[in-house]
């Protein structure tokens, strides 16, 4: 048992990348639809932008944090 418990780092990295990718796709697709085809309030467009931003951060930071940093600190 390591310092952070028994974390399966490869599985966490894969799930984090997939979650980030899914959030990016939903945010970008929703923002595209809201801007071009649907009539939605401004806060919903902002929400789609926020979801896409969080997805991008999760997509980029998951491999760095769970694939490189945490395994090296155990």
Protein backbone atom coordinates (compact mmCIF):
# COMPACT_ATOMS: atom_id res chain seq x y z
CA UNK A 1 0.00 0.00 0.00
CA UNK A 2 1.45 3.29 -1.10
CA UNK A 3 1.34 6.75 0.32
CA UNK A 4 -2.00 7.58 -1.31
CA UNK A 5 -3.60 4.17 -0.84
CA UNK A 6 -3.92 1.59 -3.54
CA UNK A 7 -4.69 3.77 -6.55
CA UNK A 8 -4.70 2.16 -9.98
CA UNK A 9 -2.97 5.04 -11.77
CA UNK A 10 -3.41 3.83 -15.38
CA UNK A 11 -7.15 3.37 -14.88
CA UNK A 12 -7.50 6.79 -13.24
CA UNK A 13 -5.61 8.45 -16.11
CA UNK A 14 -7.80 6.74 -18.72
CA UNK A 15 -11.00 7.71 -16.92
CA UNK A 16 -9.83 11.29 -16.43
CA UNK A 17 -8.90 11.69 -20.08
CA UNK A 18 -12.19 10.18 -21.24
CA UNK A 19 -14.19 12.35 -18.83
CA UNK A 20 -12.35 15.45 -20.00
CA UNK A 21 -12.90 14.55 -23.63
CA UNK A 22 -16.60 13.92 -23.03
CA UNK A 23 -16.99 17.25 -21.24
CA UNK A 24 -15.20 19.07 -24.04
CA UNK A 25 -17.42 17.48 -26.70
CA UNK A 26 -20.62 18.25 -24.78
CA UNK A 27 -19.56 21.82 -24.10
CA UNK A 28 -18.44 22.57 -27.63
CA UNK A 29 -21.38 20.85 -29.29
CA UNK A 30 -23.87 22.51 -26.95
CA UNK A 31 -22.25 25.90 -27.49
CA UNK A 32 -22.35 25.42 -31.25
CA UNK A 33 -26.02 24.46 -31.18
CA UNK A 34 -26.90 27.30 -28.82
CA UNK A 35 -25.14 29.86 -30.98
CA UNK A 36 -26.40 28.72 -34.38
CA UNK A 37 -29.65 26.77 -34.07
CA UNK A 38 -31.27 27.21 -30.66
CA UNK A 39 -32.51 30.22 -28.77
CA UNK A 40 -31.10 29.92 -25.25
CA UNK A 41 -30.36 32.45 -22.52
CA UNK A 42 -26.88 33.86 -22.18
CA UNK A 43 -26.15 31.94 -18.98
CA UNK A 44 -26.58 28.64 -20.80
CA UNK A 45 -24.02 29.63 -23.43
CA UNK A 46 -21.68 30.59 -20.58
CA UNK A 47 -22.36 27.22 -18.96
CA UNK A 48 -21.39 25.40 -22.15
CA UNK A 49 -18.17 27.40 -22.31
CA UNK A 50 -17.41 26.55 -18.68
CA UNK A 51 -18.06 22.84 -19.26
CA UNK A 52 -15.72 22.87 -22.25
CA UNK A 53 -13.05 24.65 -20.19
CA UNK A 54 -13.29 22.19 -17.31
CA UNK A 55 -13.16 19.33 -19.81
CA UNK A 56 -10.01 20.75 -21.37
CA UNK A 57 -8.36 21.08 -17.95
CA UNK A 58 -9.30 17.51 -17.02
CA UNK A 59 -8.08 16.23 -20.40
CA UNK A 60 -4.70 17.93 -20.01
CA UNK A 61 -4.08 17.61 -16.27
CA UNK A 62 -5.18 13.99 -15.69
CA UNK A 63 -2.13 12.42 -17.38
CA UNK A 64 0.23 14.90 -15.75
CA UNK A 65 -1.12 14.55 -12.22
CA UNK A 66 -2.12 10.88 -12.12
CA UNK A 67 0.36 9.55 -14.67
CA UNK A 68 3.55 11.41 -13.71
CA UNK A 69 3.42 13.42 -10.47
CA UNK A 70 1.59 11.13 -8.05
CA UNK A 71 3.38 7.89 -9.03
CA UNK A 72 6.73 9.65 -8.63
CA UNK A 73 5.88 10.90 -5.14
CA UNK A 74 4.95 7.47 -3.76
